[in-house]
């Protein structure tokens, strides 16, 4: 898998949106689903649907950027 940089993280090249987590890690949107990774170049997981609705509450300042 190829990666691109978003801030200090590597995220999958297929990701189209991203946001820093409120404590650590990064959220990113890829293939129609939200994922969270503390080190996306090594490990990340899909965010379960009940948590996706409050993604803006879980990121710094509620800012989700296109990447």
Protein backbone atom coordinates (compact mmCIF):
# COMPACT_ATOMS: atom_id res chain seq x y z
CA UNK A 1 0.00 0.00 0.00
CA UNK A 2 1.29 3.47 -0.85
CA UNK A 3 1.11 6.29 1.65
CA UNK A 4 0.98 10.05 1.62
CA UNK A 5 1.66 12.47 4.45
CA UNK A 6 -1.04 14.25 6.37
CA UNK A 7 0.57 16.41 9.03
CA UNK A 8 3.01 14.11 10.83
CA UNK A 9 1.19 10.91 9.83
CA UNK A 10 1.44 8.63 6.88
CA UNK A 11 -2.06 7.77 5.66
CA UNK A 12 -3.09 5.51 2.78
CA UNK A 13 -2.90 7.23 -0.59
CA UNK A 14 -6.55 6.33 -1.20
CA UNK A 15 -7.69 8.51 1.73
CA UNK A 16 -9.62 11.61 0.65
CA UNK A 17 -10.32 13.31 3.99
CA UNK A 18 -8.44 13.39 7.27
CA UNK A 19 -8.50 15.00 10.69
CA UNK A 20 -6.25 14.85 13.74
CA UNK A 21 -7.65 12.98 16.73
CA UNK A 22 -8.47 14.96 19.86
CA UNK A 23 -5.79 13.17 21.91
CA UNK A 24 -3.64 11.26 19.46
CA UNK A 25 -3.73 9.55 16.12
CA UNK A 26 -5.52 10.49 12.95
CA UNK A 27 -8.93 9.89 11.41
CA UNK A 28 -9.12 9.39 7.68
CA UNK A 29 -11.82 8.67 5.12
CA UNK A 30 -11.14 6.00 2.52
CA UNK A 31 -13.40 3.99 0.21
CA UNK A 32 -16.56 5.38 1.81
CA UNK A 33 -15.62 4.54 5.41
CA UNK A 34 -13.95 6.35 8.31
CA UNK A 35 -10.84 4.87 9.87
CA UNK A 36 -8.72 5.73 12.89
CA UNK A 37 -5.04 5.00 13.25
CA UNK A 38 -2.40 5.76 15.81
CA UNK A 39 0.15 4.70 13.17
CA UNK A 40 -1.81 4.22 9.92
CA UNK A 41 1.36 3.09 8.16
CA UNK A 42 1.34 0.10 10.52
CA UNK A 43 -2.11 -0.21 12.07
CA UNK A 44 -5.54 1.32 11.65
CA UNK A 45 -9.13 0.25 12.14
CA UNK A 46 -12.54 1.06 10.75
CA UNK A 47 -14.69 3.21 13.01
CA UNK A 48 -17.97 1.50 13.87
CA UNK A 49 -21.08 3.18 12.50
CA UNK A 50 -22.48 4.46 15.84
CA UNK A 51 -19.30 6.51 16.26
CA UNK A 52 -19.12 7.96 12.77
CA UNK A 53 -21.92 10.47 13.39
CA UNK A 54 -19.87 12.30 16.01
CA UNK A 55 -16.63 12.39 14.07
CA UNK A 56 -16.65 16.20 14.20
CA UNK A 57 -16.89 16.04 18.00
CA UNK A 58 -13.89 13.73 18.14
CA UNK A 59 -11.42 15.82 16.14
CA UNK A 60 -9.52 18.98 17.00
CA UNK A 61 -11.81 21.92 16.41
CA UNK A 62 -14.13 19.72 14.36
CA UNK A 63 -12.06 20.42 11.25
CA UNK A 64 -11.97 17.72 8.60
CA UNK A 65 -9.64 18.51 5.73
CA UNK A 66 -9.56 17.21 2.18
CA UNK A 67 -6.25 15.48 1.53
